[in-house]
Amino acid sequence: MSNFFLLNITTNPSTFYFIKLIMMLFFLIFIRAGLPRYRYDYLTKLGWVKFLLVMITLLTFTVVYYYF
């Protein structure tokens, strides 16, 4: 497949790189604008309440798995 959107990649790689760069920038800006922004206190509460419980549970299952 030498044609990508009617561009010859083998003779003009800088054009392909520029298109790839524009697509990546659009994707990153779209993700940044689309996701909600969480406050610092919400993230710390989430980390201490939810993720600490998940970590302890996984650690317990791992210890039990290797013990038996």
C-alpha atoms as a PDB file:
ATOM      1  CA  MET A   1       0.000   0.000   0.000  1.00  0.00           C
ATOM      2  CA  SER A   2       2.000   2.935  -1.229  1.00  0.00           C
ATOM      3  CA  ASN A   3      -0.863   5.429  -1.402  1.00  0.00           C
ATOM      4  CA  PHE A   4      -2.326   6.993   1.702  1.00  0.00           C
ATOM      5  CA  PHE A   5      -5.039   9.563   0.981  1.00  0.00           C
ATOM      6  CA  LEU A   6      -3.661   9.828  -2.562  1.00  0.00           C
ATOM      7  CA  LEU A   7      -0.177  10.729  -1.301  1.00  0.00           C
ATOM      8  CA  ASN A   8       2.850   8.744  -2.322  1.00  0.00           C
ATOM      9  CA  ILE A   9       4.588   7.949   0.965  1.00  0.00           C
ATOM     10  CA  THR A  10       7.754   6.607  -0.604  1.00  0.00           C
ATOM     11  CA  THR A  11       8.637   9.845  -2.397  1.00  0.00           C
ATOM     12  CA  ASN A  12       7.409  12.371   0.181  1.00  0.00           C
ATOM     13  CA  PRO A  13       7.748  11.145   3.770  1.00  0.00           C
ATOM     14  CA  SER A  14       7.599  14.667   5.217  1.00  0.00           C
ATOM     15  CA  THR A  15       4.012  15.050   4.029  1.00  0.00           C
ATOM     16  CA  PHE A  16       3.057  11.795   5.713  1.00  0.00           C
ATOM     17  CA  TYR A  17       4.797  12.930   8.912  1.00  0.00           C
ATOM     18  CA  PHE A  18       2.973  16.287   8.825  1.00  0.00           C
ATOM     19  CA  ILE A  19      -0.416  14.583   8.398  1.00  0.00           C
ATOM     20  CA  LYS A  20       0.395  12.201  11.224  1.00  0.00           C
ATOM     21  CA  LEU A  21       1.434  15.117  13.446  1.00  0.00           C
ATOM     22  CA  ILE A  22      -1.780  17.045  12.733  1.00  0.00           C
ATOM     23  CA  MET A  23      -3.896  13.957  13.460  1.00  0.00           C
ATOM     24  CA  MET A  24      -2.059  13.345  16.759  1.00  0.00           C
ATOM     25  CA  LEU A  25      -2.438  16.961  17.860  1.00  0.00           C
ATOM     26  CA  PHE A  26      -6.139  16.905  17.018  1.00  0.00           C
ATOM     27  CA  PHE A  27      -6.566  13.669  18.987  1.00  0.00           C
ATOM     28  CA  LEU A  28      -4.719  15.015  22.051  1.00  0.00           C
ATOM     29  CA  ILE A  29      -6.659  18.300  22.028  1.00  0.00           C
ATOM     30  CA  PHE A  30      -9.935  16.415  21.595  1.00  0.00           C
ATOM     31  CA  ILE A  31      -9.165  14.158  24.586  1.00  0.00           C
ATOM     32  CA  ARG A  32      -8.029  17.089  26.741  1.00  0.00           C
ATOM     33  CA  ALA A  33     -11.174  19.106  25.981  1.00  0.00           C
ATOM     34  CA  GLY A  34     -13.542  16.158  26.244  1.00  0.00           C
ATOM     35  CA  LEU A  35     -12.551  14.675  29.570  1.00  0.00           C
ATOM     36  CA  PRO A  36     -13.705  16.314  32.789  1.00  0.00           C
ATOM     37  CA  ARG A  37     -11.147  17.977  35.004  1.00  0.00           C
ATOM     38  CA  TYR A  38     -11.141  16.661  38.540  1.00  0.00           C
ATOM     39  CA  ARG A  39     -10.250  18.717  41.567  1.00  0.00           C
ATOM     40  CA  TYR A  40      -7.250  17.824  43.702  1.00  0.00           C
ATOM     41  CA  ASP A  41      -9.339  16.959  46.777  1.00  0.00           C
ATOM     42  CA  TYR A  42     -11.536  14.601  44.765  1.00  0.00           C
ATOM     43  CA  LEU A  43      -8.499  12.780  43.354  1.00  0.00           C
ATOM     44  CA  THR A  44      -6.879  12.370  46.782  1.00  0.00           C
ATOM     45  CA  LYS A  45     -10.141  11.091  48.269  1.00  0.00           C
ATOM     46  CA  LEU A  46     -10.495   8.668  45.364  1.00  0.00           C
ATOM     47  CA  GLY A  47      -6.935   7.461  45.858  1.00  0.00           C
ATOM     48  CA  TRP A  48      -7.209   6.916  49.596  1.00  0.00           C
ATOM     49  CA  VAL A  49     -10.706   5.438  49.667  1.00  0.00           C
ATOM     50  CA  LYS A  50     -11.055   3.413  46.472  1.00  0.00           C
ATOM     51  CA  PHE A  51      -7.603   2.656  45.126  1.00  0.00           C
ATOM     52  CA  LEU A  52      -6.121   1.812  48.533  1.00  0.00           C
ATOM     53  CA  LEU A  53      -8.898  -0.741  49.040  1.00  0.00           C
ATOM     54  CA  VAL A  54      -8.244  -2.206  45.579  1.00  0.00           C
ATOM     55  CA  MET A  55      -4.505  -2.364  46.262  1.00  0.00           C
ATOM     56  CA  ILE A  56      -4.957  -4.137  49.604  1.00  0.00           C
ATOM     57  CA  THR A  57      -7.391  -6.601  48.028  1.00  0.00           C
ATOM     58  CA  LEU A  58      -5.003  -7.414  45.185  1.00  0.00           C
ATOM     59  CA  LEU A  59      -2.114  -7.769  47.604  1.00  0.00           C
ATOM     60  CA  THR A  60      -4.155 -10.157  49.747  1.00  0.00           C
ATOM     61  CA  PHE A  61      -5.129 -12.283  46.741  1.00  0.00           C
ATOM     62  CA  THR A  62      -1.513 -12.379  45.575  1.00  0.00           C
ATOM     63  CA  VAL A  63      -0.245 -13.506  48.976  1.00  0.00           C
ATOM     64  CA  VAL A  64      -2.935 -16.173  49.250  1.00  0.00           C
ATOM     65  CA  TYR A  65      -2.216 -17.370  45.695  1.00  0.00           C
ATOM     66  CA  TYR A  66       1.530 -17.748  46.314  1.00  0.00           C
ATOM     67  CA  TYR A  67       1.056 -19.235  49.761  1.00  0.00           C
ATOM     68  CA  PHE A  68      -1.149 -22.076  48.528  1.00  0.00           C
END
